[in-house]
N, C-alpha and C. Protein backbone atom coordinates (compact mmCIF):
# COMPACT_ATOMS: atom_id res chain seq x y z
N UNK A 1 -102.56 -108.23 96.78
CA UNK A 1 -101.33 -108.82 96.69
C UNK A 1 -100.62 -109.22 95.18
N UNK A 2 -99.57 -108.82 95.18
CA UNK A 2 -99.30 -108.73 93.70
C UNK A 2 -99.03 -110.55 93.42
N UNK A 3 -99.30 -110.80 92.21
CA UNK A 3 -98.68 -112.19 91.90
C UNK A 3 -97.51 -112.50 91.20
N UNK A 4 -97.03 -111.45 90.57
CA UNK A 4 -95.55 -111.69 89.81
C UNK A 4 -95.01 -110.30 90.39
N UNK A 5 -93.56 -110.79 89.84
CA UNK A 5 -92.77 -109.47 90.60
C UNK A 5 -91.54 -109.56 89.63
N UNK A 6 -91.08 -108.63 89.27
CA UNK A 6 -89.91 -108.33 88.71
C UNK A 6 -88.43 -108.91 89.12
N UNK A 7 -87.49 -109.58 88.17
CA UNK A 7 -86.23 -109.86 88.70
C UNK A 7 -85.70 -109.26 89.52
N UNK A 8 -85.76 -108.09 89.23
CA UNK A 8 -84.92 -107.00 89.72
C UNK A 8 -85.33 -106.15 91.02
N UNK A 9 -86.88 -106.85 90.92
CA UNK A 9 -87.40 -106.46 92.84
C UNK A 9 -87.76 -107.67 93.75
N UNK A 10 -86.75 -108.34 93.49
CA UNK A 10 -86.69 -109.71 94.12
C UNK A 10 -86.18 -109.45 95.54
N UNK A 11 -85.02 -108.72 95.63
CA UNK A 11 -84.40 -108.33 96.88
C UNK A 11 -85.27 -108.11 97.68
N UNK A 12 -85.94 -106.53 97.58
CA UNK A 12 -86.71 -105.94 98.13
C UNK A 12 -87.84 -106.63 99.01
N UNK A 13 -88.31 -107.74 97.70
CA UNK A 13 -89.59 -108.51 98.17
C UNK A 13 -89.30 -109.66 99.47
N UNK A 14 -87.71 -110.22 99.01
CA UNK A 14 -87.76 -111.91 99.84
C UNK A 14 -86.47 -111.13 100.45
N UNK A 15 -85.78 -109.91 100.54
CA UNK A 15 -84.83 -109.84 101.05
C UNK A 15 -83.55 -110.63 101.00
N UNK A 16 -83.21 -111.34 99.86
CA UNK A 16 -82.53 -111.75 99.46
C UNK A 16 -81.56 -111.52 98.14
N UNK A 17 -80.72 -111.47 97.70
CA UNK A 17 -79.93 -110.85 96.56
C UNK A 17 -80.38 -111.67 95.29
N UNK A 18 -80.51 -110.76 94.77
CA UNK A 18 -81.12 -111.44 93.07
C UNK A 18 -79.63 -112.24 92.61
N UNK A 19 -78.58 -112.35 93.10
CA UNK A 19 -77.60 -113.52 92.57
C UNK A 19 -78.28 -115.00 93.63
N UNK A 20 -79.22 -114.65 94.29
CA UNK A 20 -79.41 -116.05 95.19
C UNK A 20 -80.52 -117.34 94.17
N UNK A 21 -80.86 -116.13 93.51
CA UNK A 21 -82.10 -116.65 92.79
C UNK A 21 -81.38 -116.87 91.57
N UNK A 22 -81.04 -116.12 90.84
CA UNK A 22 -80.14 -116.40 89.63
C UNK A 22 -79.30 -117.68 89.41
N UNK A 23 -78.58 -117.86 90.41
CA UNK A 23 -77.74 -119.16 90.40
C UNK A 23 -78.48 -120.48 90.66
N UNK A 24 -79.75 -119.96 90.86
CA UNK A 24 -80.31 -121.51 91.25
C UNK A 24 -81.62 -121.64 89.92
N UNK A 25 -81.67 -120.99 89.39
CA UNK A 25 -82.32 -121.38 87.74
C UNK A 25 -82.05 -121.88 87.22
N UNK A 26 -83.07 -122.98 86.95
CA UNK A 26 -82.55 -124.27 85.78
C UNK A 26 -82.05 -125.62 87.18
N UNK A 27 -82.13 -125.44 88.15
CA UNK A 27 -81.77 -126.37 89.25
C UNK A 27 -82.46 -126.75 90.25
N UNK A 28 -82.93 -125.63 90.93
CA UNK A 28 -83.99 -125.71 91.56
C UNK A 28 -85.18 -124.56 91.54
N UNK A 29 -85.04 -123.68 90.55
CA UNK A 29 -86.09 -122.93 90.29
C UNK A 29 -86.27 -123.12 88.87
N UNK A 30 -87.45 -123.29 88.41
CA UNK A 30 -87.77 -123.48 86.49
C UNK A 30 -88.45 -122.43 86.36
N UNK A 31 -88.08 -122.43 85.06
CA UNK A 31 -88.85 -121.36 84.12
C UNK A 31 -90.62 -122.13 83.88
N UNK A 32 -91.27 -121.76 83.82
CA UNK A 32 -92.70 -122.16 83.91
C UNK A 32 -93.20 -122.49 85.29
N UNK A 33 -92.40 -122.79 86.42
CA UNK A 33 -93.00 -123.23 87.51
C UNK A 33 -92.69 -121.95 88.47
N UNK A 34 -91.69 -121.48 88.65
CA UNK A 34 -91.19 -120.17 89.31
C UNK A 34 -90.88 -119.24 88.82
N UNK A 35 -90.85 -119.21 87.57
CA UNK A 35 -90.76 -117.94 86.91
C UNK A 35 -91.17 -117.93 85.20
N UNK A 36 -91.38 -116.87 84.58
CA UNK A 36 -91.67 -116.86 83.15
C UNK A 36 -91.01 -115.99 82.54
N UNK A 37 -90.79 -115.79 81.03
CA UNK A 37 -90.23 -114.97 80.37
C UNK A 37 -91.35 -114.25 79.25
N UNK A 38 -92.29 -113.28 79.50
CA UNK A 38 -93.37 -112.90 78.95
C UNK A 38 -92.78 -112.49 77.43
N UNK A 39 -93.72 -112.72 76.19
CA UNK A 39 -93.18 -112.56 74.68
C UNK A 39 -92.60 -111.06 74.84
N UNK A 40 -91.75 -111.06 73.81
CA UNK A 40 -91.52 -109.25 73.64
C UNK A 40 -90.67 -109.62 72.14
N UNK A 41 -90.45 -107.97 71.79
CA UNK A 41 -89.71 -108.23 70.68
C UNK A 41 -88.05 -107.81 70.56
N UNK A 42 -87.98 -107.79 72.02
CA UNK A 42 -86.42 -107.24 71.95
C UNK A 42 -85.73 -108.45 71.85
N UNK A 43 -84.77 -108.27 71.31
CA UNK A 43 -83.58 -108.75 70.98
C UNK A 43 -82.53 -109.20 72.06
N UNK A 44 -82.31 -108.04 72.74
CA UNK A 44 -81.26 -108.29 74.00
C UNK A 44 -81.80 -107.95 75.00
N UNK A 45 -82.89 -107.72 75.28
CA UNK A 45 -83.49 -107.38 76.77
C UNK A 45 -84.53 -108.10 76.65
N UNK A 46 -84.63 -109.16 77.94
CA UNK A 46 -85.98 -109.84 78.19
C UNK A 46 -86.33 -109.63 79.59
N UNK A 47 -87.20 -109.24 79.70
CA UNK A 47 -88.13 -109.30 81.35
C UNK A 47 -88.34 -110.75 81.94
N UNK A 48 -88.10 -110.96 82.95
CA UNK A 48 -88.25 -112.32 83.71
C UNK A 48 -89.42 -111.86 84.94
N UNK A 49 -90.37 -112.95 84.42
CA UNK A 49 -91.60 -111.93 86.01
C UNK A 49 -91.41 -113.54 86.85
N UNK A 50 -91.44 -113.57 87.89
CA UNK A 50 -91.32 -114.41 88.97
C UNK A 50 -92.68 -114.74 89.82
N UNK A 51 -93.10 -115.81 90.11
CA UNK A 51 -94.49 -116.05 90.58
C UNK A 51 -94.27 -116.21 92.03
N UNK A 52 -94.92 -115.00 92.83
CA UNK A 52 -94.44 -114.74 94.24
C UNK A 52 -94.88 -116.03 94.74
N UNK A 53 -96.18 -116.90 94.74
CA UNK A 53 -96.42 -117.55 95.55
C UNK A 53 -95.42 -118.83 95.41
N UNK A 54 -94.95 -119.10 94.39
CA UNK A 54 -94.43 -120.21 93.73
C UNK A 54 -92.81 -120.34 94.46
N UNK A 55 -92.37 -119.32 94.65
CA UNK A 55 -90.95 -118.83 95.20
C UNK A 55 -91.14 -118.88 96.88
N UNK A 56 -92.06 -118.27 97.44
CA UNK A 56 -92.43 -118.44 98.53
C UNK A 56 -92.89 -120.19 99.31
N UNK A 57 -93.50 -120.58 98.35
CA UNK A 57 -93.55 -122.07 98.74
C UNK A 57 -92.13 -122.95 98.72
N UNK A 58 -91.34 -122.42 97.94
CA UNK A 58 -90.08 -123.22 97.77
C UNK A 58 -89.51 -122.86 98.78
N UNK A 59 -89.33 -121.39 98.70
CA UNK A 59 -88.28 -121.06 100.23
C UNK A 59 -88.49 -121.71 101.44
N UNK A 60 -90.16 -121.94 101.59
CA UNK A 60 -90.42 -122.70 103.16
C UNK A 60 -90.84 -123.91 103.04
N UNK A 61 -90.37 -124.69 101.98
CA UNK A 61 -90.38 -126.29 101.56
C UNK A 61 -91.92 -126.51 101.20
N UNK A 62 -92.64 -125.40 101.28
CA UNK A 62 -94.30 -125.71 100.71
C UNK A 62 -94.53 -126.13 99.52
N UNK A 63 -95.21 -127.03 98.81
CA UNK A 63 -95.69 -127.38 97.70
C UNK A 63 -97.11 -126.78 97.17
N UNK A 64 -97.32 -125.72 96.25
CA UNK A 64 -98.07 -125.63 95.62
C UNK A 64 -99.07 -126.40 95.19
N UNK A 65 -98.60 -127.39 94.15
CA UNK A 65 -99.14 -128.62 93.65
C UNK A 65 -98.45 -128.98 93.31
N UNK A 66 -98.63 -130.30 92.47
CA UNK A 66 -97.84 -131.28 91.66
C UNK A 66 -97.10 -130.82 90.58
N UNK A 67 -97.02 -129.56 89.98
CA UNK A 67 -96.48 -129.06 89.03
C UNK A 67 -94.72 -129.40 88.93
N UNK A 68 -94.04 -129.23 90.07
CA UNK A 68 -92.87 -129.27 90.22
C UNK A 68 -92.65 -130.98 90.18
N UNK A 69 -93.33 -131.53 90.78
CA UNK A 69 -92.88 -133.17 91.31
C UNK A 69 -93.31 -133.58 89.26
N UNK A 70 -94.18 -133.04 88.56
CA UNK A 70 -94.02 -133.37 87.22
C UNK A 70 -93.10 -133.21 86.41
N UNK A 71 -92.72 -131.78 86.60
CA UNK A 71 -91.42 -131.57 85.89
C UNK A 71 -90.01 -132.25 85.92
N UNK A 72 -89.79 -132.72 87.68
CA UNK A 72 -88.40 -133.55 87.82
C UNK A 72 -88.91 -134.54 87.34
N UNK A 73 -90.05 -135.44 87.19
CA UNK A 73 -90.06 -136.85 87.21
C UNK A 73 -89.88 -136.78 85.15
N UNK A 74 -89.79 -135.77 84.69
CA UNK A 74 -89.65 -135.84 83.35
C UNK A 74 -88.33 -136.14 82.63
N UNK A 75 -86.96 -136.04 83.75
CA UNK A 75 -85.98 -136.04 83.74
C UNK A 75 -85.38 -137.30 83.16
């Protein structure tokens, strides 16, 4: 099973639109918890990889660990 998926493939994996995920970035889905941007030399195009397990757990209401709680408590 894959551990990460590119943003453009989210629709096929989760059967939800890419906009569904994009609109929740920074409010419900967080960089470093649900997705990350790998290092790149490109100034115009950045790949975004989503952590499949973290997104699945978010969708179903399960928590994989305390990372999200820790992140939210910093605010």
